[in-house]
């Protein structure tokens, strides 16, 4: 069972600024607590013992909140002095991890995947890089993901209206040695420079889960979170 996770929570949150102007996205209030509270409680419930928060914009708010509460899992922080892209942020956090395999997720998305099942599935496949996929109907906000034989992802498709399909749910399992072996620059996009290139090489597996999913990155879904989570 994989028990460590990097949470990417350093984004500027520009699309959410009309409703949450003075906070990083992961600190956007949902009911009486910030969104990061829901994420950490989910990770704790799923058996995580160590979380590394990759922070940037307004990081002091996140650190102050975490340190003012008691958590029964270890939480560490890595702060970007300048934006490194999603990929650079992941690589910047690796030194804080103790294990060879770990989860990665976004600080503005809650996807209630069974991480025990996902972890075992990833290891049984012998995968070095896996992606949790959410089945969705009647959507146009997200690009869709094509899945081929043996659960290998074959393509990422551009955003367009889909009656039904699979989307990138934003929870990854990665292998440290595998990522380091790609010899990527200090600043890069995990989605463009790793996922898309490795899919073309046939190296990315997709794990389907129809669990609850919400991404608070836009005002409409942030408002939905107030109803569904709070």
Protein backbone atom coordinates (compact mmCIF):
# COMPACT_ATOMS: atom_id res chain seq x y z
CA UNK A 1 0.00 0.00 0.00
CA UNK A 2 1.34 3.42 -1.01
CA UNK A 3 1.01 5.83 1.93
CA UNK A 4 2.59 9.12 0.76
CA UNK A 5 1.06 11.88 -1.34
CA UNK A 6 2.15 15.16 -2.93
CA UNK A 7 -0.67 17.74 -3.07
CA UNK A 8 -0.15 20.48 -5.65
CA UNK A 9 -1.49 23.63 -4.02
CA UNK A 10 0.67 26.42 -5.39
CA UNK A 11 -1.48 27.72 -8.24
CA UNK A 12 -2.61 31.32 -8.58
CA UNK A 13 -6.32 30.44 -8.76
CA UNK A 14 -7.07 33.13 -11.34
CA UNK A 15 -10.42 31.64 -12.44
CA UNK A 16 -11.69 31.66 -8.85
CA UNK A 17 -10.63 35.20 -7.95
CA UNK A 18 -14.06 36.68 -8.65
CA UNK A 19 -15.38 34.84 -5.58
CA UNK A 20 -12.21 34.11 -3.54
CA UNK A 21 -9.82 36.98 -4.16
CA UNK A 22 -7.50 36.85 -1.16
CA UNK A 23 -6.77 33.16 -0.66
CA UNK A 24 -5.02 30.31 -2.47
CA UNK A 25 -7.52 27.88 -4.01
CA UNK A 26 -6.95 25.16 -1.43
CA UNK A 27 -7.91 27.65 1.29
CA UNK A 28 -11.21 28.62 -0.34
CA UNK A 29 -13.87 28.27 2.38
CA UNK A 30 -16.36 25.44 1.92
CA UNK A 31 -18.83 25.74 4.75
CA UNK A 32 -16.87 26.46 7.91
CA UNK A 33 -13.48 25.09 6.83
CA UNK A 34 -11.07 25.58 3.90
CA UNK A 35 -11.14 23.06 1.05
CA UNK A 36 -7.74 21.64 2.09
CA UNK A 37 -9.44 20.34 5.24
CA UNK A 38 -11.66 18.02 3.14
CA UNK A 39 -8.64 16.82 1.18
CA UNK A 40 -6.56 16.00 4.24
CA UNK A 41 -9.45 14.20 5.94
CA UNK A 42 -9.99 12.16 2.78
CA UNK A 43 -6.29 11.25 2.64
CA UNK A 44 -6.30 10.28 6.30
CA UNK A 45 -9.39 8.08 5.82
CA UNK A 46 -7.70 6.42 2.84
CA UNK A 47 -4.64 5.38 4.86
CA UNK A 48 -2.11 8.07 3.98
CA UNK A 49 0.52 8.68 6.65
CA UNK A 50 2.57 11.47 5.02
CA UNK A 51 1.45 14.39 2.85
CA UNK A 52 3.72 16.97 1.21
CA UNK A 53 1.97 20.21 0.29
CA UNK A 54 3.63 21.95 -2.66
CA UNK A 55 2.87 25.63 -2.10
CA UNK A 56 3.51 28.95 -3.80
CA UNK A 57 0.95 31.76 -3.95
CA UNK A 58 -0.01 32.93 -0.41
CA UNK A 59 1.64 29.86 1.12
CA UNK A 60 1.71 31.46 4.58
CA UNK A 61 -2.08 31.08 4.86
CA UNK A 62 -1.92 27.34 4.22
CA UNK A 63 0.96 26.79 6.64
CA UNK A 64 -0.75 28.81 9.37
CA UNK A 65 -3.95 26.78 9.00
CA UNK A 66 -2.20 23.41 9.04
CA UNK A 67 -0.02 24.32 12.01
CA UNK A 68 -3.01 25.63 14.00
CA UNK A 69 -4.71 22.23 13.83
CA UNK A 70 -3.66 18.79 15.00
CA UNK A 71 -3.42 16.09 12.32
CA UNK A 72 -2.81 12.39 12.79
CA UNK A 73 -0.79 12.25 9.60
CA UNK A 74 2.53 13.95 8.93
CA UNK A 75 2.25 17.12 6.82
CA UNK A 76 5.33 18.77 5.29
CA UNK A 77 5.63 21.86 3.09
CA UNK A 78 7.67 22.71 0.03
CA UNK A 79 7.46 26.31 -1.18
CA UNK A 80 8.20 27.44 -4.73
CA UNK A 81 10.21 30.64 -4.77
CA UNK A 82 9.07 31.08 -8.37
CA UNK A 83 6.49 29.12 -10.41
CA UNK A 84 7.93 25.78 -11.56
CA UNK A 85 4.91 24.39 -13.40
CA UNK A 86 3.05 21.31 -12.19
CA UNK A 87 5.96 19.04 -13.11
CA UNK A 88 8.62 21.18 -11.48
CA UNK A 89 6.49 21.37 -8.34
CA UNK A 90 6.33 17.57 -8.15
CA UNK A 91 10.07 17.14 -8.63
CA UNK A 92 10.72 19.88 -6.08
CA UNK A 93 8.77 17.87 -3.48
CA UNK A 94 10.49 14.51 -4.05
CA UNK A 95 13.20 15.07 -1.45
CA UNK A 96 10.53 15.21 1.28
CA UNK A 97 9.24 11.73 0.41
CA UNK A 98 10.57 8.54 1.95
CA UNK A 99 9.14 5.88 -0.39
CA UNK A 100 9.75 5.05 -4.05
CA UNK A 101 6.09 5.27 -5.08
CA UNK A 102 3.60 7.96 -4.17
CA UNK A 103 0.30 9.59 -5.05
CA UNK A 104 0.02 13.04 -6.61
CA UNK A 105 -3.17 15.11 -6.54
CA UNK A 106 -4.40 18.65 -7.06
CA UNK A 107 -5.23 20.93 -4.15
CA UNK A 108 -8.48 22.11 -5.74
CA UNK A 109 -9.99 18.70 -6.55
CA UNK A 110 -11.63 16.05 -4.39
CA UNK A 111 -12.02 12.64 -6.07
CA UNK A 112 -12.99 9.97 -3.54
CA UNK A 113 -11.04 7.12 -5.14
CA UNK A 114 -10.40 4.04 -3.00
CA UNK A 115 -6.65 4.56 -2.70
CA UNK A 116 -6.03 1.06 -1.31
CA UNK A 117 -7.57 -0.52 -4.42
CA UNK A 118 -5.85 1.99 -6.69
CA UNK A 119 -2.47 1.36 -5.08
CA UNK A 120 -2.79 -2.42 -5.37
CA UNK A 121 -4.03 -2.19 -8.96
CA UNK A 122 -1.10 0.07 -9.93
CA UNK A 123 1.42 -2.37 -8.46
CA UNK A 124 -0.25 -5.45 -9.96
CA UNK A 125 -0.07 -3.82 -13.39
CA UNK A 126 3.63 -3.16 -12.92
CA UNK A 127 2.87 0.45 -13.83
CA UNK A 128 5.35 3.28 -13.30
CA UNK A 129 2.75 5.98 -13.95
CA UNK A 130 -1.00 5.66 -13.47
CA UNK A 131 -3.91 8.08 -13.69
CA UNK A 132 -7.34 7.87 -12.01
CA UNK A 133 -10.16 8.32 -14.52
CA UNK A 134 -13.68 9.52 -13.75
CA UNK A 135 -16.59 8.43 -16.01
CA UNK A 136 -18.72 11.47 -16.83
CA UNK A 137 -21.79 12.28 -18.88
CA UNK A 138 -22.69 15.39 -20.89
CA UNK A 139 -19.57 17.46 -20.27
CA UNK A 140 -17.51 20.06 -22.14
CA UNK A 141 -15.33 21.58 -19.41
CA UNK A 142 -12.81 18.72 -19.50
CA UNK A 143 -10.87 16.95 -22.19
CA UNK A 144 -11.58 13.24 -22.48
CA UNK A 145 -9.22 10.29 -22.14
CA UNK A 146 -9.13 7.25 -24.42
CA UNK A 147 -8.42 3.89 -22.81
CA UNK A 148 -7.07 0.92 -24.76
CA UNK A 149 -6.14 -2.68 -24.05
CA UNK A 150 -4.82 -3.66 -20.63
CA UNK A 151 -5.98 -0.29 -19.24
CA UNK A 152 -3.29 1.66 -21.09
CA UNK A 153 -4.22 5.24 -21.94
CA UNK A 154 -3.95 5.79 -25.70
CA UNK A 155 -4.81 9.50 -26.08
CA UNK A 156 -5.87 12.73 -24.42
CA UNK A 157 -8.54 14.51 -26.47
CA UNK A 158 -9.15 18.26 -26.53
CA UNK A 159 -12.07 19.85 -24.69
CA UNK A 160 -15.31 19.43 -26.61
CA UNK A 161 -18.84 18.38 -25.78
CA UNK A 162 -19.05 14.66 -24.95
CA UNK A 163 -22.22 12.73 -24.29
CA UNK A 164 -20.19 10.35 -22.15
CA UNK A 165 -16.54 9.54 -21.60
CA UNK A 166 -13.63 9.40 -19.18
CA UNK A 167 -11.87 12.47 -17.78
CA UNK A 168 -8.56 12.93 -15.99
CA UNK A 169 -9.55 12.85 -12.31
CA UNK A 170 -6.23 14.37 -11.22
CA UNK A 171 -4.95 11.59 -8.94
CA UNK A 172 -1.72 9.97 -10.14
CA UNK A 173 0.55 7.23 -8.88
CA UNK A 174 4.18 7.68 -9.85
CA UNK A 175 7.53 6.00 -9.37
CA UNK A 176 10.42 8.20 -8.24
CA UNK A 177 13.14 6.48 -10.29
CA UNK A 178 10.94 6.54 -13.37
CA UNK A 179 10.29 10.29 -13.14
CA UNK A 180 13.93 11.11 -12.39
CA UNK A 181 14.97 9.00 -15.38
CA UNK A 182 13.04 11.27 -17.76
CA UNK A 183 15.67 14.02 -17.19
CA UNK A 184 13.21 16.89 -17.31
CA UNK A 185 14.07 20.60 -16.88
CA UNK A 186 13.54 22.48 -13.63
CA UNK A 187 10.31 24.07 -14.89
CA UNK A 188 7.84 21.96 -16.86
CA UNK A 189 4.23 20.88 -17.17
CA UNK A 190 3.46 17.42 -15.80
CA UNK A 191 0.44 17.18 -18.10
CA UNK A 192 2.18 18.23 -21.33
CA UNK A 193 5.77 17.10 -20.81
CA UNK A 194 5.15 13.83 -18.96
CA UNK A 195 1.61 12.55 -19.42
CA UNK A 196 1.23 13.35 -23.11
CA UNK A 197 4.68 12.15 -24.10
CA UNK A 198 4.50 8.99 -22.01
CA UNK A 199 1.03 8.13 -23.32
CA UNK A 200 2.48 8.19 -26.83
CA UNK A 201 5.13 5.75 -25.60
CA UNK A 202 2.45 3.48 -24.13
CA UNK A 203 3.62 3.95 -20.55
CA UNK A 204 0.55 5.36 -18.73
CA UNK A 205 -2.21 3.23 -17.21
CA UNK A 206 -5.76 4.39 -16.42
CA UNK A 207 -7.66 3.35 -13.29
CA UNK A 208 -11.41 3.91 -13.56
CA UNK A 209 -13.41 5.02 -10.53
CA UNK A 210 -16.97 6.35 -10.44
CA UNK A 211 -16.49 7.86 -6.98
CA UNK A 212 -17.60 11.37 -6.03
CA UNK A 213 -15.66 14.07 -7.90
CA UNK A 214 -15.57 17.85 -7.61
CA UNK A 215 -13.10 20.46 -8.89
CA UNK A 216 -13.59 23.88 -7.26
CA UNK A 217 -11.41 25.69 -9.82
CA UNK A 218 -14.30 27.69 -11.33
CA UNK A 219 -17.01 29.69 -9.51
CA UNK A 220 -19.92 27.45 -10.57
CA UNK A 221 -18.34 24.30 -9.15
CA UNK A 222 -17.09 26.14 -6.09
CA UNK A 223 -20.71 27.07 -5.41
CA UNK A 224 -21.72 23.43 -5.94
CA UNK A 225 -19.17 22.40 -3.32
CA UNK A 226 -20.96 24.60 -0.81
CA UNK A 227 -24.09 22.52 -1.29
CA UNK A 228 -22.55 19.06 -1.63
CA UNK A 229 -19.67 19.12 0.85
CA UNK A 230 -20.63 21.68 3.48
